[in-house]
Amino acid sequence: MKQPQFVTFSRNDGQQSEYGLINGQGVINLSRRTGDRWPDLKAVIQDGALLMLAQEYGETPADHNLSEITFKLPIQNPGKIICIGVNYPDRNAEYKDGQPAALYPSLFVRFPNSLTGHEQPILLPPESEQLDYEGEIAIVIGKGGRRIAPENALSHIAALTLCNEGTVRDWVRHSKFNVTQGKNFEQSGAMGPWLVPLQSAEQLEDIRLVTRVNGEIRQDDRTSHMNFSFAWIIEYLSTFTTLYPGDIIITGTPTGAGARLNPPVWLKAGDVVEVEAEGLGILRNRVRAEVPPC
């Protein structure tokens, strides 16, 4: 059975964000039908209503063709975007610093405006030539909590999506410990195309995650190989911060980013990056050189 796919979008004739369900080559506009109760997907998630909407409206004829919409970030106003670093085999060895693998993950945050939607351009800033790709799976929190027990952790996930956690590599080295700058250039990464509700733990057990640049596979691994599991990540993060509905956790990238190739290969204007995962679809973006305002 095909998994429901919830999308946030704007119609090409306007900028107002709406949400809906993918139906074939079109989208069912749920904002028209349920927007008075739930203004956006974050509100739907907070009420635990994703699957209810999928069941009630999933067979409704599409209101808009996909060619008539612009994909937006699935969650427009996340409270937190927390990113997990060095979470796949061989990633620690890629750093070539002689240090053993850490007992705990590296953590950093991203701001929403550092990410864009599916089929929207990711921007190569004029300050650097070292824009890199990182294909990842993101989880969206549906039920909040603090100090969440590992056996309950997966029940706190509402949905999954994909992320190209784009990084401006030379800007993560501006200080000894701080990577914030290089992870937050505006529109340097992407998320989407849609949210897929989590209905069983089996959805998470062994997802193949692939990143392609111009059709060439650069990253290829499976979630069963992650150093820190989805449940462990939720338990760990909720130890020091309360997780709320709509918070997003980006769970780490496999080996094979451009910075780790010999010699490094950076993204350039015109490149197309695709992040694909089983059951989640393909997140596709073209790189465009950012032209700063005069």
Foldseek 3Di string as FASTA:
>chain_A
DAFWWKFWWDFPVDDDIFIFTDDPQATATCCVVCCVPPVAVLSCLQVLNPVVCCVVCVPPDGPGGPVGIDTWARQPDFPWEKEWEDWFPPRVVLVVPPDDDDPGTDMDTEDRQQATEFAEAAADEPVAQAKKWFKFKKWFFRAKDALDDLVCQVVRTFWIWIKGQIFRPVCCVPDDHRRHVRRYDGRSMYIDNGTGTDDDPVVQQWKWKWKDKQRHTQFTGTQNRTNAHSSRVRNVVSHVDMDHGGYMYTYYGGPGMQVSDVPRDHDDAQIKMWMDIPSHGIRIHGYHYDDDDD
